[in-house]
All heavy atoms as atom14 arrays in JSON, in Angstrom:
{
  "sequence": "LYALNPAMIPALCAAAGSFSDVRCGAAWWFCDHKRGIREVLETVAE",
  "atom14_mask": [
    [1, 1, 1, 1, 1, 1, 1, 1, 0, 0, 0, 0, 0, 0],
    [1, 1, 1, 1, 1, 1, 1, 1, 1, 1, 1, 1, 0, 0],
    [1, 1, 1, 1, 1, 0, 0, 0, 0, 0, 0, 0, 0, 0],
    [1, 1, 1, 1, 1, 1, 1, 1, 0, 0, 0, 0, 0, 0],
    [1, 1, 1, 1, 1, 1, 1, 1, 0, 0, 0, 0, 0, 0],
    [1, 1, 1, 1, 1, 1, 1, 0, 0, 0, 0, 0, 0, 0],
    [1, 1, 1, 1, 1, 0, 0, 0, 0, 0, 0, 0, 0, 0],
    [1, 1, 1, 1, 1, 1, 1, 1, 0, 0, 0, 0, 0, 0],
    [1, 1, 1, 1, 1, 1, 1, 1, 0, 0, 0, 0, 0, 0],
    [1, 1, 1, 1, 1, 1, 1, 0, 0, 0, 0, 0, 0, 0],
    [1, 1, 1, 1, 1, 0, 0, 0, 0, 0, 0, 0, 0, 0],
    [1, 1, 1, 1, 1, 1, 1, 1, 0, 0, 0, 0, 0, 0],
    [1, 1, 1, 1, 1, 1, 0, 0, 0, 0, 0, 0, 0, 0],
    [1, 1, 1, 1, 1, 0, 0, 0, 0, 0, 0, 0, 0, 0],
    [1, 1, 1, 1, 1, 0, 0, 0, 0, 0, 0, 0, 0, 0],
    [1, 1, 1, 1, 1, 0, 0, 0, 0, 0, 0, 0, 0, 0],
    [1, 1, 1, 1, 0, 0, 0, 0, 0, 0, 0, 0, 0, 0],
    [1, 1, 1, 1, 1, 1, 0, 0, 0, 0, 0, 0, 0, 0],
    [1, 1, 1, 1, 1, 1, 1, 1, 1, 1, 1, 0, 0, 0],
    [1, 1, 1, 1, 1, 1, 0, 0, 0, 0, 0, 0, 0, 0],
    [1, 1, 1, 1, 1, 1, 1, 1, 0, 0, 0, 0, 0, 0],
    [1, 1, 1, 1, 1, 1, 1, 0, 0, 0, 0, 0, 0, 0],
    [1, 1, 1, 1, 1, 1, 1, 1, 1, 1, 1, 0, 0, 0],
    [1, 1, 1, 1, 1, 1, 0, 0, 0, 0, 0, 0, 0, 0],
    [1, 1, 1, 1, 0, 0, 0, 0, 0, 0, 0, 0, 0, 0],
    [1, 1, 1, 1, 1, 0, 0, 0, 0, 0, 0, 0, 0, 0],
    [1, 1, 1, 1, 1, 0, 0, 0, 0, 0, 0, 0, 0, 0],
    [1, 1, 1, 1, 1, 1, 1, 1, 1, 1, 1, 1, 1, 1],
    [1, 1, 1, 1, 1, 1, 1, 1, 1, 1, 1, 1, 1, 1],
    [1, 1, 1, 1, 1, 1, 1, 1, 1, 1, 1, 0, 0, 0],
    [1, 1, 1, 1, 1, 1, 0, 0, 0, 0, 0, 0, 0, 0],
    [1, 1, 1, 1, 1, 1, 1, 1, 0, 0, 0, 0, 0, 0],
    [1, 1, 1, 1, 1, 1, 1, 1, 1, 1, 0, 0, 0, 0],
    [1, 1, 1, 1, 1, 1, 1, 1, 1, 0, 0, 0, 0, 0],
    [1, 1, 1, 1, 1, 1, 1, 1, 1, 1, 1, 0, 0, 0],
    [1, 1, 1, 1, 0, 0, 0, 0, 0, 0, 0, 0, 0, 0],
    [1, 1, 1, 1, 1, 1, 1, 1, 0, 0, 0, 0, 0, 0],
    [1, 1, 1, 1, 1, 1, 1, 1, 1, 1, 1, 0, 0, 0],
    [1, 1, 1, 1, 1, 1, 1, 1, 1, 0, 0, 0, 0, 0],
    [1, 1, 1, 1, 1, 1, 1, 0, 0, 0, 0, 0, 0, 0],
    [1, 1, 1, 1, 1, 1, 1, 1, 0, 0, 0, 0, 0, 0],
    [1, 1, 1, 1, 1, 1, 1, 1, 1, 0, 0, 0, 0, 0],
    [1, 1, 1, 1, 1, 1, 1, 0, 0, 0, 0, 0, 0, 0],
    [1, 1, 1, 1, 1, 1, 1, 0, 0, 0, 0, 0, 0, 0],
    [1, 1, 1, 1, 1, 0, 0, 0, 0, 0, 0, 0, 0, 0],
    [1, 1, 1, 1, 1, 1, 1, 1, 1, 0, 0, 0, 0, 0]
  ],
  "atom14_positions": [
    [[98.3, 112.98, 101.6], [99.21, 113.71, 100.73], [98.6, 113.88, 99.35], [98.19, 112.89, 98.73], [100.55, 112.97, 100.62], [101.22, 112.52, 101.93], [102.5, 111.74, 101.62], [101.51, 113.71, 102.82], [0.0, 0.0, 0.0], [0.0, 0.0, 0.0], [0.0, 0.0, 0.0], [0.0, 0.0, 0.0], [0.0, 0.0, 0.0], [0.0, 0.0, 0.0]],
    [[98.55, 115.11, 98.86], [98.06, 115.4, 97.53], [99.15, 116.12, 96.74], [99.87, 116.95, 97.3], [96.84, 116.33, 97.56], [95.71, 115.91, 98.46], [95.68, 116.31, 99.8], [94.64, 115.16, 97.97], [94.63, 115.96, 100.63], [93.58, 114.81, 98.8], [93.58, 115.21, 100.12], [92.53, 114.86, 100.94], [0.0, 0.0, 0.0], [0.0, 0.0, 0.0]],
    [[99.24, 115.85, 95.45], [100.19, 116.57, 94.61], [99.48, 117.04, 93.35], [98.77, 116.26, 92.7], [101.37, 115.69, 94.24], [0.0, 0.0, 0.0], [0.0, 0.0, 0.0], [0.0, 0.0, 0.0], [0.0, 0.0, 0.0], [0.0, 0.0, 0.0], [0.0, 0.0, 0.0], [0.0, 0.0, 0.0], [0.0, 0.0, 0.0], [0.0, 0.0, 0.0]],
    [[99.67, 118.32, 93.01], [99.08, 118.82, 91.78], [99.9, 118.42, 90.56], [99.38, 118.41, 89.45], [98.96, 120.35, 91.86], [98.0, 121.01, 90.88], [96.61, 120.4, 90.98], [97.93, 122.51, 91.13], [0.0, 0.0, 0.0], [0.0, 0.0, 0.0], [0.0, 0.0, 0.0], [0.0, 0.0, 0.0], [0.0, 0.0, 0.0], [0.0, 0.0, 0.0]],
    [[101.15, 118.08, 90.78], [102.01, 117.6, 89.71], [101.93, 116.07, 89.69], [102.39, 115.41, 90.62], [103.45, 118.05, 89.93], [104.34, 117.76, 88.74], [104.18, 116.76, 88.05], [105.29, 118.64, 88.49], [0.0, 0.0, 0.0], [0.0, 0.0, 0.0], [0.0, 0.0, 0.0], [0.0, 0.0, 0.0], [0.0, 0.0, 0.0], [0.0, 0.0, 0.0]],
    [[101.35, 115.47, 88.65], [101.13, 114.02, 88.66], [102.41, 113.21, 88.67], [102.39, 112.03, 89.02], [100.33, 113.77, 87.37], [100.65, 114.94, 86.49], [100.84, 116.1, 87.41], [0.0, 0.0, 0.0], [0.0, 0.0, 0.0], [0.0, 0.0, 0.0], [0.0, 0.0, 0.0], [0.0, 0.0, 0.0], [0.0, 0.0, 0.0], [0.0, 0.0, 0.0]],
    [[103.53, 113.82, 88.3], [104.8, 113.09, 88.33], [105.18, 112.68, 89.74], [105.99, 111.76, 89.93], [105.91, 113.95, 87.72], [0.0, 0.0, 0.0], [0.0, 0.0, 0.0], [0.0, 0.0, 0.0], [0.0, 0.0, 0.0], [0.0, 0.0, 0.0], [0.0, 0.0, 0.0], [0.0, 0.0, 0.0], [0.0, 0.0, 0.0], [0.0, 0.0, 0.0]],
    [[104.58, 113.32, 90.75], [104.91, 113.01, 92.14], [104.16, 111.8, 92.7], [104.53, 111.29, 93.76], [104.57, 114.21, 93.04], [105.52, 115.39, 92.94], [105.12, 116.65, 94.18], [105.48, 115.77, 95.71], [0.0, 0.0, 0.0], [0.0, 0.0, 0.0], [0.0, 0.0, 0.0], [0.0, 0.0, 0.0], [0.0, 0.0, 0.0], [0.0, 0.0, 0.0]],
    [[103.1, 111.36, 92.03], [102.2, 110.38, 92.63], [102.9, 109.08, 93.02], [102.73, 108.59, 94.15], [100.99, 110.11, 91.72], [100.19, 111.4, 91.5], [100.09, 109.05, 92.33], [99.68, 112.06, 92.76], [0.0, 0.0, 0.0], [0.0, 0.0, 0.0], [0.0, 0.0, 0.0], [0.0, 0.0, 0.0], [0.0, 0.0, 0.0], [0.0, 0.0, 0.0]],
    [[103.72, 108.44, 92.15], [104.38, 107.21, 92.6], [105.26, 107.43, 93.82], [105.26, 106.6, 94.75], [105.2, 106.8, 91.37], [104.49, 107.4, 90.21], [103.98, 108.72, 90.73], [0.0, 0.0, 0.0], [0.0, 0.0, 0.0], [0.0, 0.0, 0.0], [0.0, 0.0, 0.0], [0.0, 0.0, 0.0], [0.0, 0.0, 0.0], [0.0, 0.0, 0.0]],
    [[106.0, 108.53, 93.84], [106.87, 108.79, 94.99], [106.06, 109.07, 96.24], [106.43, 108.66, 97.35], [107.8, 109.97, 94.69], [0.0, 0.0, 0.0], [0.0, 0.0, 0.0], [0.0, 0.0, 0.0], [0.0, 0.0, 0.0], [0.0, 0.0, 0.0], [0.0, 0.0, 0.0], [0.0, 0.0, 0.0], [0.0, 0.0, 0.0], [0.0, 0.0, 0.0]],
    [[104.92, 109.77, 96.11], [104.06, 110.02, 97.27], [103.54, 108.71, 97.84], [103.5, 108.53, 99.06], [102.86, 110.89, 96.88], [103.05, 112.4, 96.77], [101.7, 113.07, 96.66], [103.82, 112.95, 97.95], [0.0, 0.0, 0.0], [0.0, 0.0, 0.0], [0.0, 0.0, 0.0], [0.0, 0.0, 0.0], [0.0, 0.0, 0.0], [0.0, 0.0, 0.0]],
    [[103.13, 107.8, 96.97], [102.63, 106.5, 97.45], [103.73, 105.73, 98.17], [103.48, 105.1, 99.21], [102.09, 105.69, 96.28], [100.56, 106.33, 95.57], [0.0, 0.0, 0.0], [0.0, 0.0, 0.0], [0.0, 0.0, 0.0], [0.0, 0.0, 0.0], [0.0, 0.0, 0.0], [0.0, 0.0, 0.0], [0.0, 0.0, 0.0], [0.0, 0.0, 0.0]],
    [[104.95, 105.8, 97.64], [106.05, 105.12, 98.29], [106.37, 105.75, 99.64], [106.62, 105.05, 100.63], [107.28, 105.14, 97.39], [0.0, 0.0, 0.0], [0.0, 0.0, 0.0], [0.0, 0.0, 0.0], [0.0, 0.0, 0.0], [0.0, 0.0, 0.0], [0.0, 0.0, 0.0], [0.0, 0.0, 0.0], [0.0, 0.0, 0.0], [0.0, 0.0, 0.0]],
    [[106.34, 107.08, 99.7], [106.59, 107.78, 100.96], [105.53, 107.42, 101.99], [105.84, 107.15, 103.16], [106.62, 109.29, 100.74], [0.0, 0.0, 0.0], [0.0, 0.0, 0.0], [0.0, 0.0, 0.0], [0.0, 0.0, 0.0], [0.0, 0.0, 0.0], [0.0, 0.0, 0.0], [0.0, 0.0, 0.0], [0.0, 0.0, 0.0], [0.0, 0.0, 0.0]],
    [[104.28, 107.42, 101.55], [103.18, 107.11, 102.47], [103.35, 105.72, 103.07], [103.08, 105.5, 104.26], [101.84, 107.22, 101.74], [0.0, 0.0, 0.0], [0.0, 0.0, 0.0], [0.0, 0.0, 0.0], [0.0, 0.0, 0.0], [0.0, 0.0, 0.0], [0.0, 0.0, 0.0], [0.0, 0.0, 0.0], [0.0, 0.0, 0.0], [0.0, 0.0, 0.0]],
    [[103.82, 104.78, 102.26], [103.96, 103.42, 102.74], [105.07, 103.24, 103.77], [105.15, 102.18, 104.41], [0.0, 0.0, 0.0], [0.0, 0.0, 0.0], [0.0, 0.0, 0.0], [0.0, 0.0, 0.0], [0.0, 0.0, 0.0], [0.0, 0.0, 0.0], [0.0, 0.0, 0.0], [0.0, 0.0, 0.0], [0.0, 0.0, 0.0], [0.0, 0.0, 0.0]],
    [[105.9, 104.25, 103.94], [106.98, 104.16, 104.92], [106.56, 104.61, 106.31], [107.35, 104.49, 107.25], [108.17, 105.01, 104.44], [108.67, 104.53, 103.21], [0.0, 0.0, 0.0], [0.0, 0.0, 0.0], [0.0, 0.0, 0.0], [0.0, 0.0, 0.0], [0.0, 0.0, 0.0], [0.0, 0.0, 0.0], [0.0, 0.0, 0.0], [0.0, 0.0, 0.0]],
    [[105.35, 105.15, 106.44], [104.88, 105.7, 107.71], [103.46, 105.24, 107.98], [102.62, 105.21, 107.08], [104.93, 107.22, 107.69], [106.3, 107.79, 107.5], [106.79, 108.03, 106.22], [107.1, 108.08, 108.59], [108.06, 108.55, 106.03], [108.38, 108.6, 108.41], [108.86, 108.84, 107.13], [0.0, 0.0, 0.0], [0.0, 0.0, 0.0], [0.0, 0.0, 0.0]],
    [[103.18, 104.9, 109.22], [101.82, 104.51, 109.58], [100.88, 105.7, 109.45], [101.25, 106.84, 109.73], [101.79, 104.0, 111.03], [102.58, 102.84, 111.16], [0.0, 0.0, 0.0], [0.0, 0.0, 0.0], [0.0, 0.0, 0.0], [0.0, 0.0, 0.0], [0.0, 0.0, 0.0], [0.0, 0.0, 0.0], [0.0, 0.0, 0.0], [0.0, 0.0, 0.0]],
    [[99.67, 105.44, 109.02], [98.59, 106.44, 108.98], [98.85, 107.56, 107.98], [98.25, 108.63, 108.09], [98.34, 107.03, 110.37], [97.74, 106.02, 111.33], [96.97, 105.16, 110.86], [98.05, 106.08, 112.53], [0.0, 0.0, 0.0], [0.0, 0.0, 0.0], [0.0, 0.0, 0.0], [0.0, 0.0, 0.0], [0.0, 0.0, 0.0], [0.0, 0.0, 0.0]],
    [[99.72, 107.35, 107.0], [99.91, 108.32, 105.93], [99.38, 107.7, 104.65], [99.69, 106.55, 104.33], [101.39, 108.71, 105.77], [101.56, 109.71, 104.62], [101.92, 109.31, 107.07], [0.0, 0.0, 0.0], [0.0, 0.0, 0.0], [0.0, 0.0, 0.0], [0.0, 0.0, 0.0], [0.0, 0.0, 0.0], [0.0, 0.0, 0.0], [0.0, 0.0, 0.0]],
    [[98.56, 108.45, 103.92], [97.93, 107.94, 102.7], [98.12, 108.92, 101.55], [98.2, 110.13, 101.77], [96.41, 107.73, 102.91], [96.07, 106.76, 104.03], [96.35, 105.32, 103.65], [96.01, 104.4, 104.73], [96.88, 103.95, 105.63], [98.15, 104.35, 105.58], [96.5, 103.12, 106.57], [0.0, 0.0, 0.0], [0.0, 0.0, 0.0], [0.0, 0.0, 0.0]],
    [[98.16, 108.4, 100.36], [98.12, 109.23, 99.15], [96.66, 109.56, 98.85], [95.8, 108.67, 98.86], [98.75, 108.48, 97.98], [98.88, 109.44, 96.46], [0.0, 0.0, 0.0], [0.0, 0.0, 0.0], [0.0, 0.0, 0.0], [0.0, 0.0, 0.0], [0.0, 0.0, 0.0], [0.0, 0.0, 0.0], [0.0, 0.0, 0.0], [0.0, 0.0, 0.0]],
    [[96.37, 110.84, 98.63], [94.99, 111.28, 98.48], [94.48, 111.23, 97.05], [95.18, 110.84, 96.11], [0.0, 0.0, 0.0], [0.0, 0.0, 0.0], [0.0, 0.0, 0.0], [0.0, 0.0, 0.0], [0.0, 0.0, 0.0], [0.0, 0.0, 0.0], [0.0, 0.0, 0.0], [0.0, 0.0, 0.0], [0.0, 0.0, 0.0], [0.0, 0.0, 0.0]],
    [[93.25, 111.65, 96.89], [92.56, 111.62, 95.6], [93.25, 112.51, 94.57], [93.97, 113.46, 94.91], [91.11, 112.07, 95.78], [0.0, 0.0, 0.0], [0.0, 0.0, 0.0], [0.0, 0.0, 0.0], [0.0, 0.0, 0.0], [0.0, 0.0, 0.0], [0.0, 0.0, 0.0], [0.0, 0.0, 0.0], [0.0, 0.0, 0.0], [0.0, 0.0, 0.0]],
    [[93.03, 112.19, 93.3], [93.55, 113.02, 92.22], [93.05, 114.45, 92.4], [91.85, 114.68, 92.52], [93.1, 112.46, 90.86], [0.0, 0.0, 0.0], [0.0, 0.0, 0.0], [0.0, 0.0, 0.0], [0.0, 0.0, 0.0], [0.0, 0.0, 0.0], [0.0, 0.0, 0.0], [0.0, 0.0, 0.0], [0.0, 0.0, 0.0], [0.0, 0.0, 0.0]],
    [[93.98, 115.39, 92.42], [93.65, 116.75, 92.83], [93.62, 117.7, 91.64], [94.53, 117.75, 90.84], [94.69, 117.21, 93.86], [94.59, 118.62, 94.33], [93.46, 119.36, 94.49], [95.67, 119.47, 94.72], [93.77, 120.61, 94.95], [95.12, 120.71, 95.11], [97.06, 119.3, 94.79], [95.91, 121.78, 95.55], [97.83, 120.35, 95.23], [97.27, 121.56, 95.61]],
    [[92.51, 118.42, 91.5], [92.39, 119.59, 90.64], [92.66, 119.28, 89.17], [91.81, 118.69, 88.51], [93.31, 120.67, 91.16], [92.96, 122.07, 90.77], [92.13, 122.49, 89.78], [93.47, 123.25, 91.4], [92.09, 123.85, 89.74], [92.9, 124.35, 90.71], [94.35, 123.48, 92.44], [93.2, 125.67, 91.06], [94.64, 124.79, 92.79], [94.06, 125.87, 92.11]],
    [[93.84, 119.65, 88.65], [94.12, 119.41, 87.24], [94.28, 117.92, 86.93], [94.33, 117.54, 85.77], [95.39, 120.16, 86.82], [95.3, 121.64, 87.0], [96.22, 122.31, 87.77], [94.28, 122.37, 86.4], [96.14, 123.69, 87.95], [94.19, 123.74, 86.57], [95.11, 124.41, 87.35], [0.0, 0.0, 0.0], [0.0, 0.0, 0.0], [0.0, 0.0, 0.0]],
    [[94.39, 117.11, 87.96], [94.49, 115.66, 87.78], [93.16, 114.95, 87.98], [93.08, 113.72, 87.86], [95.52, 115.09, 88.77], [97.15, 115.84, 88.66], [0.0, 0.0, 0.0], [0.0, 0.0, 0.0], [0.0, 0.0, 0.0], [0.0, 0.0, 0.0], [0.0, 0.0, 0.0], [0.0, 0.0, 0.0], [0.0, 0.0, 0.0], [0.0, 0.0, 0.0]],
    [[92.11, 115.71, 88.28], [90.8, 115.15, 88.63], [89.99, 114.87, 87.36], [88.97, 115.51, 87.1], [90.07, 116.12, 89.56], [88.76, 115.56, 90.09], [88.55, 114.34, 89.98], [87.94, 116.35, 90.61], [0.0, 0.0, 0.0], [0.0, 0.0, 0.0], [0.0, 0.0, 0.0], [0.0, 0.0, 0.0], [0.0, 0.0, 0.0], [0.0, 0.0, 0.0]],
    [[90.48, 113.94, 86.57], [89.81, 113.54, 85.34], [89.92, 112.02, 85.22], [90.54, 111.36, 86.07], [90.42, 114.23, 84.13], [91.93, 114.27, 84.13], [92.72, 113.15, 84.0], [92.79, 115.31, 84.29], [93.99, 113.48, 84.05], [94.07, 114.79, 84.24], [0.0, 0.0, 0.0], [0.0, 0.0, 0.0], [0.0, 0.0, 0.0], [0.0, 0.0, 0.0]],
    [[89.33, 111.46, 84.19], [89.26, 110.01, 84.07], [90.64, 109.37, 84.15], [90.87, 108.45, 84.95], [88.59, 109.63, 82.75], [88.51, 108.14, 82.49], [87.87, 107.86, 81.12], [87.89, 106.37, 80.81], [87.28, 106.08, 79.48], [0.0, 0.0, 0.0], [0.0, 0.0, 0.0], [0.0, 0.0, 0.0], [0.0, 0.0, 0.0], [0.0, 0.0, 0.0]],
    [[91.58, 109.84, 83.35], [92.91, 109.24, 83.36], [93.61, 109.49, 84.68], [94.25, 108.59, 85.25], [93.75, 109.81, 82.2], [95.18, 109.29, 82.16], [95.89, 109.74, 80.88], [95.8, 111.17, 80.69], [96.62, 112.07, 81.28], [97.57, 111.66, 82.1], [96.49, 113.36, 81.03], [0.0, 0.0, 0.0], [0.0, 0.0, 0.0], [0.0, 0.0, 0.0]],
    [[93.5, 110.72, 85.21], [94.18, 111.04, 86.46], [93.66, 110.23, 87.63], [94.45, 109.76, 88.47], [0.0, 0.0, 0.0], [0.0, 0.0, 0.0], [0.0, 0.0, 0.0], [0.0, 0.0, 0.0], [0.0, 0.0, 0.0], [0.0, 0.0, 0.0], [0.0, 0.0, 0.0], [0.0, 0.0, 0.0], [0.0, 0.0, 0.0], [0.0, 0.0, 0.0]],
    [[92.34, 110.07, 87.72], [91.76, 109.28, 88.8], [92.2, 107.83, 88.69], [92.59, 107.2, 89.69], [90.22, 109.4, 88.78], [89.8, 110.82, 89.18], [89.58, 108.37, 89.71], [88.33, 111.1, 89.01], [0.0, 0.0, 0.0], [0.0, 0.0, 0.0], [0.0, 0.0, 0.0], [0.0, 0.0, 0.0], [0.0, 0.0, 0.0], [0.0, 0.0, 0.0]],
    [[92.14, 107.28, 87.49], [92.58, 105.88, 87.3], [94.06, 105.73, 87.64], [94.45, 104.74, 88.28], [92.32, 105.44, 85.86], [90.87, 105.13, 85.54], [90.73, 104.6, 84.13], [91.37, 103.29, 84.01], [90.72, 102.14, 83.92], [89.4, 102.13, 83.99], [91.37, 101.0, 83.78], [0.0, 0.0, 0.0], [0.0, 0.0, 0.0], [0.0, 0.0, 0.0]],
    [[94.87, 106.68, 87.24], [96.3, 106.57, 87.5], [96.59, 106.61, 89.01], [97.44, 105.85, 89.49], [97.06, 107.69, 86.78], [97.17, 107.46, 85.28], [97.99, 108.53, 84.59], [98.37, 109.54, 85.26], [98.25, 108.39, 83.39], [0.0, 0.0, 0.0], [0.0, 0.0, 0.0], [0.0, 0.0, 0.0], [0.0, 0.0, 0.0], [0.0, 0.0, 0.0]],
    [[95.9, 107.47, 89.74], [96.11, 107.51, 91.18], [95.69, 106.18, 91.81], [96.42, 105.6, 92.62], [95.35, 108.68, 91.82], [95.31, 108.53, 93.34], [96.01, 110.0, 91.45], [0.0, 0.0, 0.0], [0.0, 0.0, 0.0], [0.0, 0.0, 0.0], [0.0, 0.0, 0.0], [0.0, 0.0, 0.0], [0.0, 0.0, 0.0], [0.0, 0.0, 0.0]],
    [[94.51, 105.69, 91.44], [94.03, 104.43, 92.0], [94.96, 103.27, 91.65], [95.28, 102.43, 92.51], [92.61, 104.14, 91.51], [91.52, 105.1, 91.99], [90.2, 104.8, 91.28], [91.33, 105.0, 93.5], [0.0, 0.0, 0.0], [0.0, 0.0, 0.0], [0.0, 0.0, 0.0], [0.0, 0.0, 0.0], [0.0, 0.0, 0.0], [0.0, 0.0, 0.0]],
    [[95.4, 103.21, 90.41], [96.29, 102.12, 90.0], [97.64, 102.22, 90.69], [98.22, 101.2, 91.09], [96.46, 102.17, 88.48], [95.22, 101.74, 87.72], [95.32, 101.95, 86.23], [96.2, 102.73, 85.78], [94.52, 101.35, 85.5], [0.0, 0.0, 0.0], [0.0, 0.0, 0.0], [0.0, 0.0, 0.0], [0.0, 0.0, 0.0], [0.0, 0.0, 0.0]],
    [[98.14, 103.45, 90.87], [99.44, 103.61, 91.53], [99.35, 103.24, 93.01], [100.25, 102.58, 93.55], [99.95, 105.05, 91.36], [100.0, 105.37, 89.97], [101.34, 105.2, 91.95], [0.0, 0.0, 0.0], [0.0, 0.0, 0.0], [0.0, 0.0, 0.0], [0.0, 0.0, 0.0], [0.0, 0.0, 0.0], [0.0, 0.0, 0.0], [0.0, 0.0, 0.0]],
    [[98.27, 103.68, 93.66], [98.07, 103.28, 95.06], [97.99, 101.77, 95.17], [98.56, 101.16, 96.08], [96.8, 103.94, 95.63], [96.44, 103.36, 96.99], [96.98, 105.45, 95.74], [0.0, 0.0, 0.0], [0.0, 0.0, 0.0], [0.0, 0.0, 0.0], [0.0, 0.0, 0.0], [0.0, 0.0, 0.0], [0.0, 0.0, 0.0], [0.0, 0.0, 0.0]],
    [[97.27, 101.14, 94.23], [97.14, 99.68, 94.26], [98.49, 99.0, 94.06], [98.81, 98.0, 94.73], [96.16, 99.22, 93.17], [0.0, 0.0, 0.0], [0.0, 0.0, 0.0], [0.0, 0.0, 0.0], [0.0, 0.0, 0.0], [0.0, 0.0, 0.0], [0.0, 0.0, 0.0], [0.0, 0.0, 0.0], [0.0, 0.0, 0.0], [0.0, 0.0, 0.0]],
    [[99.3, 99.53, 93.16], [100.58, 98.89, 92.83], [101.62, 99.07, 93.94], [102.41, 98.17, 94.21], [101.11, 99.47, 91.53], [100.29, 99.09, 90.31], [100.57, 99.95, 89.11], [101.3, 100.96, 89.24], [100.05, 99.63, 88.02], [0.0, 0.0, 0.0], [0.0, 0.0, 0.0], [0.0, 0.0, 0.0], [0.0, 0.0, 0.0], [0.0, 0.0, 0.0]]
  ]
}
Protein backbone atom coordinates (compact mmCIF):
# COMPACT_ATOMS: atom_id res chain seq x y z
CA LEU A 1 0.00 0.00 0.00
CA TYR A 2 1.34 3.42 -1.01
CA ALA A 3 -0.18 6.82 -0.28
CA LEU A 4 0.81 10.11 -1.87
CA ASN A 5 -0.83 11.94 1.02
CA PRO A 6 1.49 11.45 4.03
CA ALA A 7 -1.39 11.90 6.47
CA MET A 8 -2.51 8.39 5.47
CA ILE A 9 0.69 6.59 6.46
CA PRO A 10 -0.17 5.73 10.12
CA ALA A 11 -3.60 4.46 9.10
CA LEU A 12 -2.12 2.45 6.21
CA CYS A 13 0.32 0.77 8.59
CA ALA A 14 -2.51 -0.05 10.97
CA ALA A 15 -4.64 -1.43 8.13
CA ALA A 16 -1.76 -3.53 6.84
CA GLY A 17 -1.26 -5.05 10.27
CA SER A 18 -4.82 -6.36 10.27
CA PHE A 19 -4.24 -8.63 7.25
CA SER A 20 -1.59 -11.21 6.45
CA ASP A 21 0.81 -10.37 3.61
CA VAL A 22 -0.19 -6.69 3.42
CA ARG A 23 2.61 -4.14 3.86
CA CYS A 24 2.96 -0.37 3.86
CA GLY A 25 5.26 0.58 0.98
CA ALA A 26 8.10 3.02 0.49
CA ALA A 27 7.65 6.78 0.68
CA TRP A 28 6.11 7.64 -2.66
CA TRP A 29 6.87 10.53 -5.00
CA PHE A 30 6.31 13.82 -3.13
CA CYS A 31 7.12 11.96 0.10
CA ASP A 32 10.38 10.50 -1.26
CA HIS A 33 12.72 12.78 0.67
CA LYS A 34 14.78 12.54 3.84
CA ARG A 35 11.96 13.41 6.23
CA GLY A 36 9.35 11.41 4.32
CA ILE A 37 11.49 8.27 4.14
CA ARG A 38 12.34 8.49 7.84
CA GLU A 39 8.70 9.06 8.75
CA VAL A 40 7.55 6.01 6.80
CA LEU A 41 10.25 3.82 8.34
CA GLU A 42 9.57 5.11 11.85
CA THR A 43 5.81 4.69 11.45
CA VAL A 44 6.18 1.14 10.14
CA ALA A 45 8.48 0.40 13.08
CA GLU A 46 6.06 1.88 15.61
